[in-house]
Amino acid sequence: MNPQAEHRNSRAWLLSGLLLALAIALPFAAPTYYVQFVSKALIMGILAMALNLVVGYGGLVSLCHAAFFGIAGYVLALASPKYDAASLWWTLPLAVAASATAAAAIGTLALRTRGVYFIMVTLAFGEMLFFLFHDSKFAGGSDGAFVYNKPSMMLGDIVLLNLEKPIVYYFVVLATLVAVIALLTMLVRSPFGHALAASRDNERRARALGFPVFRIRLTAFIISGAIAGVAGYFAAAQFGFVAPQMLGWHLSATVLVMVLIGGLRSVTGPLLGALVLIGLEEILKAATEYWKLVEGIIVIVIVLALPNGVRDLLGLLAPRREAGHD
């Protein structure tokens, strides 16, 4: 590695370490409201990064990822006792497995299409699941369902993690975020990630080289759905409520905007996009009743001015080593 590349790497690691240190220090310096607000933003960042594995690295625009997000939330609501906290040990794997199973079923059918047809098929499946929960009484119908107590992790009679405490919940979400970033970074830099990118860039050439394109894309879709399920689980735990809107295409479209704002083909770019969009909404809601209009204009300006996302601004501090790497 040449000295210039080593210098860029060291700056990138320094910036990452600084941001992580600030994230760790936040609960000790900020009021509880802001701790909970950042927890919400980090959860949406996990969902955006999950979607970006399919969109940015797979070249497939999905409009059903909110369904995987919502399914996990409903699993937690349905599996939780009314008066006791659910066990994190088994409800989290159950929720993630449910989301991954839904992703496998949808992906098996949707990935047989391409382009706009894939978008429409994923949109249709997402709406089908939305109306399944909206029109069925088993999960509360249009009124949704409550999660009365946040999950806890216990070992015998010893409480290891009590998510009822905002600071504990925040650090669990932060640790989950770091684990997701590590997993996605490993995936996109692995032979699997290179094969996924090759399928995105030139499907015919990838097939000619012997890559099992369908299987690669389906695997990425399932992993993406499972990670979206992790985000949905913690979102349901934080808000104590799940509703059919969690599965709707509006949320999928909002998360897609986060991906575009943050930058495609970057593991952490969508996380930045989520922080920017959610922070922008919070500021504009307090400033004007026309915040949706103002937000839309700002998003358009960002997309036009920064085609590669707001992560380009961080490139001034820690330039990327190469496109597609974090």
C-alpha atoms as a PDB file:
ATOM      1  CA  MET A   1       0.000   0.000   0.000  1.00  0.00           C
ATOM      2  CA  ASN A   2       1.398   3.385  -0.973  1.00  0.00           C
ATOM      3  CA  PRO A   3       1.880   6.183   1.595  1.00  0.00           C
ATOM      4  CA  GLN A   4      -1.016   8.217   0.217  1.00  0.00           C
ATOM      5  CA  ALA A   5      -3.427   5.294   0.609  1.00  0.00           C
ATOM      6  CA  GLU A   6      -2.136   4.631   4.127  1.00  0.00           C
ATOM      7  CA  HIS A   7      -2.726   8.283   4.974  1.00  0.00           C
ATOM      8  CA  ARG A   8      -6.316   8.126   3.686  1.00  0.00           C
ATOM      9  CA  ASN A   9      -6.916   4.915   5.641  1.00  0.00           C
ATOM     10  CA  SER A  10      -5.597   6.425   8.853  1.00  0.00           C
ATOM     11  CA  ARG A  11      -7.813   9.491   8.415  1.00  0.00           C
ATOM     12  CA  ALA A  12     -10.842   7.291   7.769  1.00  0.00           C
ATOM     13  CA  TRP A  13     -10.158   5.203  10.881  1.00  0.00           C
ATOM     14  CA  LEU A  14      -9.571   8.356  12.935  1.00  0.00           C
ATOM     15  CA  LEU A  15     -12.864   9.880  11.817  1.00  0.00           C
ATOM     16  CA  SER A  16     -14.739   6.614  12.470  1.00  0.00           C
ATOM     17  CA  GLY A  17     -13.224   6.364  15.925  1.00  0.00           C
ATOM     18  CA  LEU A  18     -14.125   9.966  16.699  1.00  0.00           C
ATOM     19  CA  LEU A  19     -17.752   9.473  15.630  1.00  0.00           C
ATOM     20  CA  LEU A  20     -18.024   6.281  17.694  1.00  0.00           C
ATOM     21  CA  ALA A  21     -16.561   8.062  20.730  1.00  0.00           C
ATOM     22  CA  LEU A  22     -19.120  10.859  20.338  1.00  0.00           C
ATOM     23  CA  ALA A  23     -21.913   8.287  20.054  1.00  0.00           C
ATOM     24  CA  ILE A  24     -20.733   6.566  23.251  1.00  0.00           C
ATOM     25  CA  ALA A  25     -20.498   9.874  25.106  1.00  0.00           C
ATOM     26  CA  LEU A  26     -23.920  11.132  23.986  1.00  0.00           C
ATOM     27  CA  PRO A  27     -26.099   9.516  26.722  1.00  0.00           C
ATOM     28  CA  PHE A  28     -23.891  10.994  29.434  1.00  0.00           C
ATOM     29  CA  ALA A  29     -24.155  14.540  28.073  1.00  0.00           C
ATOM     30  CA  ALA A  30     -27.619  14.817  26.505  1.00  0.00           C
ATOM     31  CA  PRO A  31     -31.137  14.748  27.981  1.00  0.00           C
ATOM     32  CA  THR A  32     -33.161  11.541  27.721  1.00  0.00           C
ATOM     33  CA  TYR A  33     -35.278  12.951  24.882  1.00  0.00           C
ATOM     34  CA  TYR A  34     -32.270  13.322  22.617  1.00  0.00           C
ATOM     35  CA  VAL A  35     -30.967   9.882  23.578  1.00  0.00           C
ATOM     36  CA  GLN A  36     -34.284   8.361  22.508  1.00  0.00           C
ATOM     37  CA  PHE A  37     -34.345  10.493  19.362  1.00  0.00           C
ATOM     38  CA  VAL A  38     -30.885   9.348  18.309  1.00  0.00           C
ATOM     39  CA  SER A  39     -31.871   5.746  19.095  1.00  0.00           C
ATOM     40  CA  LYS A  40     -34.741   6.111  16.627  1.00  0.00           C
ATOM     41  CA  ALA A  41     -32.404   7.602  14.004  1.00  0.00           C
ATOM     42  CA  LEU A  42     -29.906   4.754  14.435  1.00  0.00           C
ATOM     43  CA  ILE A  43     -32.680   2.178  13.993  1.00  0.00           C
ATOM     44  CA  MET A  44     -33.744   3.843  10.748  1.00  0.00           C
ATOM     45  CA  GLY A  45     -30.086   3.890   9.744  1.00  0.00           C
ATOM     46  CA  ILE A  46     -29.945   0.102  10.184  1.00  0.00           C
ATOM     47  CA  LEU A  47     -33.034  -0.236   7.974  1.00  0.00           C
ATOM     48  CA  ALA A  48     -31.524   2.058   5.324  1.00  0.00           C
ATOM     49  CA  MET A  49     -28.250   0.119   5.299  1.00  0.00           C
ATOM     50  CA  ALA A  50     -30.206  -3.110   4.922  1.00  0.00           C
ATOM     51  CA  LEU A  51     -32.038  -1.726   1.898  1.00  0.00           C
ATOM     52  CA  ASN A  52     -28.805  -0.433   0.405  1.00  0.00           C
ATOM     53  CA  LEU A  53     -27.369  -3.954   0.223  1.00  0.00           C
ATOM     54  CA  VAL A  54     -30.046  -4.657  -2.387  1.00  0.00           C
ATOM     55  CA  VAL A  55     -30.231  -1.214  -4.020  1.00  0.00           C
ATOM     56  CA  GLY A  56     -26.663   0.060  -3.966  1.00  0.00           C
ATOM     57  CA  TYR A  57     -24.746  -3.180  -4.232  1.00  0.00           C
ATOM     58  CA  GLY A  58     -27.339  -5.335  -5.984  1.00  0.00           C
ATOM     59  CA  GLY A  59     -28.814  -2.737  -8.324  1.00  0.00           C
ATOM     60  CA  LEU A  60     -32.373  -3.772  -7.381  1.00  0.00           C
ATOM     61  CA  VAL A  61     -34.846  -1.131  -6.186  1.00  0.00           C
ATOM     62  CA  SER A  62     -37.113  -2.743  -3.598  1.00  0.00           C
ATOM     63  CA  LEU A  63     -40.305  -1.157  -2.274  1.00  0.00           C
ATOM     64  CA  CYS A  64     -41.212  -3.880   0.214  1.00  0.00           C
ATOM     65  CA  HIS A  65     -38.497  -3.582   2.852  1.00  0.00           C
ATOM     66  CA  ALA A  66     -40.888  -1.856   5.227  1.00  0.00           C
ATOM     67  CA  ALA A  67     -42.820  -5.148   5.218  1.00  0.00           C
ATOM     68  CA  PHE A  68     -39.813  -6.999   6.664  1.00  0.00           C
ATOM     69  CA  PHE A  69     -39.402  -4.157   9.168  1.00  0.00           C
ATOM     70  CA  GLY A  70     -43.046  -4.370  10.222  1.00  0.00           C
ATOM     71  CA  ILE A  71     -43.237  -8.168  10.346  1.00  0.00           C
ATOM     72  CA  ALA A  72     -40.491  -8.275  12.967  1.00  0.00           C
ATOM     73  CA  GLY A  73     -42.301  -5.643  15.018  1.00  0.00           C
ATOM     74  CA  TYR A  74     -45.523  -7.649  14.902  1.00  0.00           C
ATOM     75  CA  VAL A  75     -43.702 -10.824  15.907  1.00  0.00           C
ATOM     76  CA  LEU A  76     -42.452  -9.051  19.022  1.00  0.00           C
ATOM     77  CA  ALA A  77     -45.947  -7.726  19.792  1.00  0.00           C
ATOM     78  CA  LEU A  78     -47.602 -11.110  19.348  1.00  0.00           C
ATOM     79  CA  ALA A  79     -44.903 -13.008  21.257  1.00  0.00           C
ATOM     80  CA  SER A  80     -44.776 -10.619  24.223  1.00  0.00           C
ATOM     81  CA  PRO A  81     -46.717 -11.434  27.409  1.00  0.00           C
ATOM     82  CA  LYS A  82     -49.183  -8.718  28.341  1.00  0.00           C
ATOM     83  CA  TYR A  83     -47.807  -8.053  31.804  1.00  0.00           C
ATOM     84  CA  ASP A  84     -44.227  -9.322  31.613  1.00  0.00           C
ATOM     85  CA  ALA A  85     -41.228  -8.488  29.485  1.00  0.00           C
ATOM     86  CA  ALA A  86     -40.510 -10.822  26.589  1.00  0.00           C
ATOM     87  CA  SER A  87     -37.181 -12.597  26.477  1.00  0.00           C
ATOM     88  CA  LEU A  88     -34.686 -11.029  24.088  1.00  0.00           C
ATOM     89  CA  TRP A  89     -32.984 -14.420  23.816  1.00  0.00           C
ATOM     90  CA  TRP A  90     -35.728 -15.951  21.708  1.00  0.00           C
ATOM     91  CA  THR A  91     -37.988 -13.138  20.463  1.00  0.00           C
ATOM     92  CA  LEU A  92     -35.206 -11.374  18.520  1.00  0.00           C
ATOM     93  CA  PRO A  93     -34.139 -14.537  16.603  1.00  0.00           C
ATOM     94  CA  LEU A  94     -37.826 -15.362  16.018  1.00  0.00           C
ATOM     95  CA  ALA A  95     -38.535 -11.892  14.613  1.00  0.00           C
ATOM     96  CA  VAL A  96     -35.438 -11.939  12.391  1.00  0.00           C
ATOM     97  CA  ALA A  97     -36.285 -15.443  11.158  1.00  0.00           C
ATOM     98  CA  ALA A  98     -39.821 -14.314  10.269  1.00  0.00           C
ATOM     99  CA  SER A  99     -38.504 -11.367   8.270  1.00  0.00           C
ATOM    100  CA  ALA A 100     -35.892 -13.525   6.534  1.00  0.00           C
ATOM    101  CA  THR A 101     -38.541 -16.113   5.642  1.00  0.00           C
ATOM    102  CA  ALA A 102     -40.780 -13.423   4.147  1.00  0.00           C
ATOM    103  CA  ALA A 103     -37.796 -12.054   2.209  1.00  0.00           C
ATOM    104  CA  ALA A 104     -36.999 -15.546   0.892  1.00  0.00           C
ATOM    105  CA  ALA A 105     -40.574 -16.070  -0.288  1.00  0.00           C
ATOM    106  CA  ILE A 106     -40.901 -12.641  -1.905  1.00  0.00           C
ATOM    107  CA  GLY A 107     -37.403 -12.688  -3.345  1.00  0.00           C
ATOM    108  CA  THR A 108     -37.878 -16.106  -4.933  1.00  0.00           C
ATOM    109  CA  LEU A 109     -40.751 -14.711  -6.991  1.00  0.00           C
ATOM    110  CA  ALA A 110     -39.744 -11.065  -7.443  1.00  0.00           C
ATOM    111  CA  LEU A 111     -36.178 -11.777  -8.580  1.00  0.00           C
ATOM    112  CA  ARG A 112     -37.517 -13.518 -11.662  1.00  0.00           C
ATOM    113  CA  THR A 113     -38.344 -10.030 -12.953  1.00  0.00           C
ATOM    114  CA  ARG A 114     -36.117  -7.078 -13.840  1.00  0.00           C
ATOM    115  CA  GLY A 115     -36.154  -3.301 -13.753  1.00  0.00           C
ATOM    116  CA  VAL A 116     -39.481  -1.570 -13.249  1.00  0.00           C
ATOM    117  CA  TYR A 117     -41.241  -4.944 -13.069  1.00  0.00           C
ATOM    118  CA  PHE A 118     -39.156  -5.868 -10.014  1.00  0.00           C
ATOM    119  CA  ILE A 119     -40.092  -2.550  -8.409  1.00  0.00           C
ATOM    120  CA  MET A 120     -43.791  -3.149  -9.044  1.00  0.00           C
ATOM    121  CA  VAL A 121     -43.707  -6.754  -7.819  1.00  0.00           C
ATOM    122  CA  THR A 122     -42.009  -5.777  -4.546  1.00  0.00           C
ATOM    123  CA  LEU A 123     -44.479  -2.906  -4.160  1.00  0.00           C
ATOM    124  CA  ALA A 124     -47.376  -5.330  -4.678  1.00  0.00           C
ATOM    125  CA  PHE A 125     -46.053  -7.811  -2.107  1.00  0.00           C
ATOM    126  CA  GLY A 126     -45.494  -5.015   0.390  1.00  0.00           C
ATOM    127  CA  GLU A 127     -49.064  -3.777  -0.032  1.00  0.00           C
ATOM    128  CA  MET A 128     -50.416  -7.314   0.262  1.00  0.00           C
ATOM    129  CA  LEU A 129     -48.726  -7.702   3.636  1.00  0.00           C
ATOM    130  CA  PHE A 130     -49.898  -4.243   4.675  1.00  0.00           C
ATOM    131  CA  PHE A 131     -53.529  -5.149   4.030  1.00  0.00           C
ATOM    132  CA  LEU A 132     -53.067  -8.578   5.621  1.00  0.00           C
ATOM    133  CA  PHE A 133     -52.256  -6.923   8.933  1.00  0.00           C
ATOM    134  CA  HIS A 134     -54.635  -4.002   8.356  1.00  0.00           C
ATOM    135  CA  ASP A 135     -57.700  -6.132   7.662  1.00  0.00           C
ATOM    136  CA  SER A 136     -57.028  -9.051  10.026  1.00  0.00           C
ATOM    137  CA  LYS A 137     -57.975  -9.015  13.690  1.00  0.00           C
ATOM    138  CA  PHE A 138     -55.281 -11.437  14.887  1.00  0.00           C
ATOM    139  CA  ALA A 139     -52.833  -8.546  15.276  1.00  0.00           C
ATOM    140  CA  GLY A 140     -55.220  -5.735  16.146  1.00  0.00           C
ATOM    141  CA  GLY A 141     -56.339  -4.838  12.635  1.00  0.00           C
ATOM    142  CA  SER A 142     -56.068  -1.171  11.684  1.00  0.00           C
ATOM    143  CA  ASP A 143     -55.590  -0.237  15.368  1.00  0.00           C
ATOM    144  CA  GLY A 144     -52.321  -2.137  15.636  1.00  0.00           C
ATOM    145  CA  ALA A 145     -50.988  -3.838  18.754  1.00  0.00           C
ATOM    146  CA  PHE A 146     -49.116  -2.786  21.874  1.00  0.00           C
ATOM    147  CA  VAL A 147     -45.818  -3.991  23.293  1.00  0.00           C
ATOM    148  CA  TYR A 148     -46.461  -3.259  26.946  1.00  0.00           C
ATOM    149  CA  ASN A 149     -42.963  -4.013  28.193  1.00  0.00           C
ATOM    150  CA  LYS A 150     -39.632  -3.789  26.427  1.00  0.00           C
ATOM    151  CA  PRO A 151     -37.810  -7.118  26.048  1.00  0.00           C
ATOM    152  CA  SER A 152     -35.156  -8.049  28.578  1.00  0.00           C
ATOM    153  CA  MET A 153     -32.188 -10.380  28.556  1.00  0.00           C
ATOM    154  CA  MET A 154     -31.944 -12.558  31.651  1.00  0.00           C
ATOM    155  CA  LEU A 155     -29.657 -15.313  32.847  1.00  0.00           C
ATOM    156  CA  GLY A 156     -31.613 -17.188  35.468  1.00  0.00           C
ATOM    157  CA  ASP A 157     -32.820 -14.520  37.870  1.00  0.00           C
ATOM    158  CA  ILE A 158     -30.119 -12.065  36.832  1.00  0.00           C
ATOM    159  CA  VAL A 159     -31.171  -9.271  34.473  1.00  0.00           C
ATOM    160  CA  LEU A 160     -28.343  -8.764  31.982  1.00  0.00           C
ATOM    161  CA  LEU A 161     -30.090  -6.137  29.858  1.00  0.00           C
ATOM    162  CA  ASN A 162     -33.159  -4.136  30.824  1.00  0.00           C
ATOM    163  CA  LEU A 163     -34.260  -2.174  27.763  1.00  0.00           C
ATOM    164  CA  GLU A 164     -36.723  -0.168  29.847  1.00  0.00           C
ATOM    165  CA  LYS A 165     -33.770   2.043  30.759  1.00  0.00           C
ATOM    166  CA  PRO A 166     -33.176   4.516  27.883  1.00  0.00           C
ATOM    167  CA  ILE A 167     -29.395   4.444  28.255  1.00  0.00           C
ATOM    168  CA  VAL A 168     -29.303   0.617  28.157  1.00  0.00           C
ATOM    169  CA  TYR A 169     -31.605   0.583  25.155  1.00  0.00           C
ATOM    170  CA  TYR A 170     -29.420   3.158  23.391  1.00  0.00           C
ATOM    171  CA  PHE A 171     -26.233   1.185  23.882  1.00  0.00           C
ATOM    172  CA  VAL A 172     -27.895  -2.043  22.716  1.00  0.00           C
ATOM    173  CA  VAL A 173     -29.011  -0.271  19.527  1.00  0.00           C
ATOM    174  CA  LEU A 174     -25.557   1.273  19.083  1.00  0.00           C
ATOM    175  CA  ALA A 175     -23.870  -2.114  19.511  1.00  0.00           C
ATOM    176  CA  THR A 176     -26.315  -3.624  17.016  1.00  0.00           C
ATOM    177  CA  LEU A 177     -25.525  -0.833  14.562  1.00  0.00           C
ATOM    178  CA  VAL A 178     -21.782  -1.465  14.848  1.00  0.00           C
ATOM    179  CA  ALA A 179     -22.354  -5.205  14.323  1.00  0.00           C
ATOM    180  CA  VAL A 180     -24.477  -4.523  11.216  1.00  0.00           C
ATOM    181  CA  ILE A 181     -21.822  -2.196   9.783  1.00  0.00           C
ATOM    182  CA  ALA A 182     -19.149  -4.838  10.376  1.00  0.00           C
ATOM    183  CA  LEU A 183     -21.299  -7.561   8.779  1.00  0.00           C
ATOM    184  CA  LEU A 184     -22.157  -5.499   5.708  1.00  0.00           C
ATOM    185  CA  THR A 185     -18.562  -4.329   5.271  1.00  0.00           C
ATOM    186  CA  MET A 186     -17.357  -7.922   5.386  1.00  0.00           C
ATOM    187  CA  LEU A 187     -20.046  -8.970   2.900  1.00  0.00           C
ATOM    188  CA  VAL A 188     -19.423  -6.281   0.279  1.00  0.00           C
ATOM    189  CA  ARG A 189     -15.654  -6.840   0.391  1.00  0.00           C
ATOM    190  CA  SER A 190     -15.948 -10.622   0.183  1.00  0.00           C
ATOM    191  CA  PRO A 191     -16.083 -12.684  -3.035  1.00  0.00           C
ATOM    192  CA  PHE A 192     -19.861 -12.762  -2.528  1.00  0.00           C
ATOM    193  CA  GLY A 193     -19.978  -8.961  -2.522  1.00  0.00           C
ATOM    194  CA  HIS A 194     -17.852  -8.749  -5.664  1.00  0.00           C
ATOM    195  CA  ALA A 195     -20.124 -11.282  -7.387  1.00  0.00           C
ATOM    196  CA  LEU A 196     -23.179  -9.263  -6.349  1.00  0.00           C
ATOM    197  CA  ALA A 197     -21.614  -6.090  -7.764  1.00  0.00           C
ATOM    198  CA  ALA A 198     -20.687  -7.915 -10.975  1.00  0.00           C
ATOM    199  CA  SER A 199     -24.307  -9.017 -11.351  1.00  0.00           C
ATOM    200  CA  ARG A 200     -25.366  -5.409 -10.876  1.00  0.00           C
ATOM    201  CA  ASP A 201     -22.913  -3.956 -13.393  1.00  0.00           C
ATOM    202  CA  ASN A 202     -23.314  -6.507 -16.181  1.00  0.00           C
ATOM    203  CA  GLU A 203     -25.667  -9.423 -15.624  1.00  0.00           C
ATOM    204  CA  ARG A 204     -24.894 -11.104 -18.951  1.00  0.00           C
ATOM    205  CA  ARG A 205     -21.167 -11.040 -18.339  1.00  0.00           C
ATOM    206  CA  ALA A 206     -21.658 -12.358 -14.801  1.00  0.00           C
ATOM    207  CA  ARG A 207     -23.682 -15.277 -16.147  1.00  0.00           C
ATOM    208  CA  ALA A 208     -21.074 -15.920 -18.829  1.00  0.00           C
ATOM    209  CA  LEU A 209     -18.419 -16.105 -16.110  1.00  0.00           C
ATOM    210  CA  GLY A 210     -20.477 -18.758 -14.338  1.00  0.00           C
ATOM    211  CA  PHE A 211     -21.891 -16.698 -11.454  1.00  0.00           C
ATOM    212  CA  PRO A 212     -25.230 -18.043 -10.124  1.00  0.00           C
ATOM    213  CA  VAL A 213     -26.847 -14.607 -10.412  1.00  0.00           C
ATOM    214  CA  PHE A 214     -30.292 -15.598  -9.104  1.00  0.00           C
ATOM    215  CA  ARG A 215     -28.875 -17.344  -6.038  1.00  0.00           C
ATOM    216  CA  ILE A 216     -26.509 -14.456  -5.279  1.00  0.00           C
ATOM    217  CA  ARG A 217     -29.292 -11.896  -5.490  1.00  0.00           C
ATOM    218  CA  LEU A 218     -31.681 -14.024  -3.465  1.00  0.00           C
ATOM    219  CA  THR A 219     -29.071 -14.468  -0.728  1.00  0.00           C
ATOM    220  CA  ALA A 220     -28.498 -10.707  -0.616  1.00  0.00           C
ATOM    221  CA  PHE A 221     -32.260 -10.104  -0.513  1.00  0.00           C
ATOM    222  CA  ILE A 222     -32.707 -12.510   2.409  1.00  0.00           C
ATOM    223  CA  ILE A 223     -29.805 -11.010   4.374  1.00  0.00           C
ATOM    224  CA  SER A 224     -31.198  -7.550   3.697  1.00  0.00           C
ATOM    225  CA  GLY A 225     -34.654  -8.621   4.881  1.00  0.00           C
ATOM    226  CA  ALA A 226     -33.214 -10.161   8.050  1.00  0.00           C
ATOM    227  CA  ILE A 227     -31.333  -6.953   8.923  1.00  0.00           C
ATOM    228  CA  ALA A 228     -34.506  -4.958   8.254  1.00  0.00           C
ATOM    229  CA  GLY A 229     -36.184  -7.303  10.747  1.00  0.00           C
ATOM    230  CA  VAL A 230     -33.578  -6.421  13.379  1.00  0.00           C
ATOM    231  CA  ALA A 231     -34.442  -2.742  12.895  1.00  0.00           C
ATOM    232  CA  GLY A 232     -38.181  -3.471  13.090  1.00  0.00           C
ATOM    233  CA  TYR A 233     -37.779  -5.434  16.307  1.00  0.00           C
ATOM    234  CA  PHE A 234     -35.993  -2.594  18.088  1.00  0.00           C
ATOM    235  CA  ALA A 235     -38.394  -0.003  16.667  1.00  0.00           C
ATOM    236  CA  ALA A 236     -41.359  -1.903  18.114  1.00  0.00           C
ATOM    237  CA  ALA A 237     -39.531  -2.246  21.429  1.00  0.00           C
ATOM    238  CA  GLN A 238     -38.810   1.487  21.564  1.00  0.00           C
ATOM    239  CA  PHE A 239     -42.263   2.788  20.696  1.00  0.00           C
ATOM    240  CA  GLY A 240     -44.219   0.026  22.418  1.00  0.00           C
ATOM    241  CA  PHE A 241     -46.641  -0.081  19.515  1.00  0.00           C
ATOM    242  CA  VAL A 242     -46.921  -1.602  16.049  1.00  0.00           C
ATOM    243  CA  ALA A 243     -49.361  -0.658  13.302  1.00  0.00           C
ATOM    244  CA  PRO A 244     -49.944  -1.649   9.668  1.00  0.00           C
ATOM    245  CA  GLN A 245     -48.283   1.608   8.577  1.00  0.00           C
ATOM    246  CA  MET A 246     -44.969   0.043   9.538  1.00  0.00           C
ATOM    247  CA  LEU A 247     -45.360  -2.238   6.509  1.00  0.00           C
ATOM    248  CA  GLY A 248     -46.572   0.379   4.015  1.00  0.00           C
ATOM    249  CA  TRP A 249     -44.813   1.520   0.872  1.00  0.00           C
ATOM    250  CA  HIS A 250     -44.578   5.062   2.239  1.00  0.00           C
ATOM    251  CA  LEU A 251     -41.985   3.915   4.750  1.00  0.00           C
ATOM    252  CA  SER A 252     -40.143   1.926   2.073  1.00  0.00           C
ATOM    253  CA  ALA A 253     -40.018   5.054  -0.103  1.00  0.00           C
ATOM    254  CA  THR A 254     -38.787   7.171   2.812  1.00  0.00           C
ATOM    255  CA  VAL A 255     -35.976   4.711   3.515  1.00  0.00           C
ATOM    256  CA  LEU A 256     -35.063   4.719  -0.177  1.00  0.00           C
ATOM    257  CA  VAL A 257     -34.728   8.512   0.065  1.00  0.00           C
ATOM    258  CA  MET A 258     -32.359   8.009   3.017  1.00  0.00           C
ATOM    259  CA  VAL A 259     -30.244   5.716   0.858  1.00  0.00           C
ATOM    260  CA  LEU A 260     -30.118   8.266  -1.959  1.00  0.00           C
ATOM    261  CA  ILE A 261     -29.270  11.135   0.398  1.00  0.00           C
ATOM    262  CA  GLY A 262     -26.523   9.155   2.099  1.00  0.00           C
ATOM    263  CA  GLY A 263     -25.017   7.658  -1.024  1.00  0.00           C
ATOM    264  CA  LEU A 264     -25.262   4.376  -2.883  1.00  0.00           C
ATOM    265  CA  ARG A 265     -22.447   1.831  -2.850  1.00  0.00           C
ATOM    266  CA  SER A 266     -21.334   2.861   0.613  1.00  0.00           C
ATOM    267  CA  VAL A 267     -22.019   0.813   3.727  1.00  0.00           C
ATOM    268  CA  THR A 268     -22.431   3.757   6.114  1.00  0.00           C
ATOM    269  CA  GLY A 269     -23.751   6.288   3.598  1.00  0.00           C
ATOM    270  CA  PRO A 270     -27.426   5.340   4.212  1.00  0.00           C
ATOM    271  CA  LEU A 271     -26.848   5.734   7.953  1.00  0.00           C
ATOM    272  CA  LEU A 272     -25.773   9.319   7.335  1.00  0.00           C
ATOM    273  CA  GLY A 273     -28.793   9.755   5.078  1.00  0.00           C
ATOM    274  CA  ALA A 274     -31.087   8.562   7.877  1.00  0.00           C
ATOM    275  CA  LEU A 275     -29.502  10.929  10.388  1.00  0.00           C
ATOM    276  CA  VAL A 276     -29.794  13.850   7.966  1.00  0.00           C
ATOM    277  CA  LEU A 277     -33.422  13.179   6.999  1.00  0.00           C
ATOM    278  CA  ILE A 278     -34.698  12.493  10.509  1.00  0.00           C
ATOM    279  CA  GLY A 279     -32.764  15.431  11.944  1.00  0.00           C
ATOM    280  CA  LEU A 280     -34.093  17.668   9.169  1.00  0.00           C
ATOM    281  CA  GLU A 281     -37.669  16.599   9.907  1.00  0.00           C
ATOM    282  CA  GLU A 282     -37.234  17.342  13.607  1.00  0.00           C
ATOM    283  CA  ILE A 283     -35.930  20.851  12.903  1.00  0.00           C
ATOM    284  CA  LEU A 284     -38.510  21.708  10.237  1.00  0.00           C
ATOM    285  CA  LYS A 285     -41.466  20.464  12.281  1.00  0.00           C
ATOM    286  CA  ALA A 286     -40.578  23.013  14.951  1.00  0.00           C
ATOM    287  CA  ALA A 287     -39.998  25.782  12.402  1.00  0.00           C
ATOM    288  CA  THR A 288     -42.936  25.660   9.980  1.00  0.00           C
ATOM    289  CA  GLU A 289     -46.262  23.970   9.368  1.00  0.00           C
ATOM    290  CA  TYR A 290     -45.205  23.498   5.740  1.00  0.00           C
ATOM    291  CA  TRP A 291     -42.282  21.352   6.768  1.00  0.00           C
ATOM    292  CA  LYS A 292     -43.067  18.605   4.250  1.00  0.00           C
ATOM    293  CA  LEU A 293     -42.790  21.050   1.346  1.00  0.00           C
ATOM    294  CA  VAL A 294     -39.545  22.527   2.663  1.00  0.00           C
ATOM    295  CA  GLU A 295     -38.141  19.066   3.328  1.00  0.00           C
ATOM    296  CA  GLY A 296     -38.935  17.971  -0.228  1.00  0.00           C
ATOM    297  CA  ILE A 297     -37.159  20.988  -1.693  1.00  0.00           C
ATOM    298  CA  ILE A 298     -34.088  20.406   0.484  1.00  0.00           C
ATOM    299  CA  VAL A 299     -33.966  16.710  -0.478  1.00  0.00           C
ATOM    300  CA  ILE A 300     -34.120  17.624  -4.170  1.00  0.00           C
ATOM    301  CA  VAL A 301     -31.274  20.130  -3.724  1.00  0.00           C
ATOM    302  CA  ILE A 302     -29.146  17.555  -1.881  1.00  0.00           C
ATOM    303  CA  VAL A 303     -29.694  14.896  -4.546  1.00  0.00           C
ATOM    304  CA  LEU A 304     -28.886  17.323  -7.371  1.00  0.00           C
ATOM    305  CA  ALA A 305     -25.892  18.951  -5.664  1.00  0.00           C
ATOM    306  CA  LEU A 306     -24.429  15.735  -4.237  1.00  0.00           C
ATOM    307  CA  PRO A 307     -25.090  12.886  -6.702  1.00  0.00           C
ATOM    308  CA  ASN A 308     -23.056  10.506  -4.541  1.00  0.00           C
ATOM    309  CA  GLY A 309     -24.789  11.556  -1.323  1.00  0.00           C
ATOM    310  CA  VAL A 310     -23.840  13.591   1.726  1.00  0.00           C
ATOM    311  CA  ARG A 311     -21.051  11.154   2.389  1.00  0.00           C
ATOM    312  CA  ASP A 312     -19.087  13.154  -0.189  1.00  0.00           C
ATOM    313  CA  LEU A 313     -18.907  15.946   2.382  1.00  0.00           C
ATOM    314  CA  LEU A 314     -17.120  13.609   4.788  1.00  0.00           C
ATOM    315  CA  GLY A 315     -14.760  12.803   1.928  1.00  0.00           C
ATOM    316  CA  LEU A 316     -13.221  16.212   2.523  1.00  0.00           C
ATOM    317  CA  LEU A 317     -12.118  14.924   5.921  1.00  0.00           C
ATOM    318  CA  ALA A 318     -11.508  11.268   5.063  1.00  0.00           C
ATOM    319  CA  PRO A 319     -11.553  10.569   1.322  1.00  0.00           C
ATOM    320  CA  ARG A 320     -12.857   7.204   0.221  1.00  0.00           C
ATOM    321  CA  ARG A 321     -10.238   4.716  -0.863  1.00  0.00           C
ATOM    322  CA  GLU A 322     -12.285   3.623  -3.840  1.00  0.00           C
ATOM    323  CA  ALA A 323     -15.860   3.569  -5.015  1.00  0.00           C
ATOM    324  CA  GLY A 324     -18.016   0.997  -3.334  1.00  0.00           C
ATOM    325  CA  HIS A 325     -15.808   0.627  -0.248  1.00  0.00           C
ATOM    326  CA  ASP A 326     -16.341   2.048   3.153  1.00  0.00           C
END
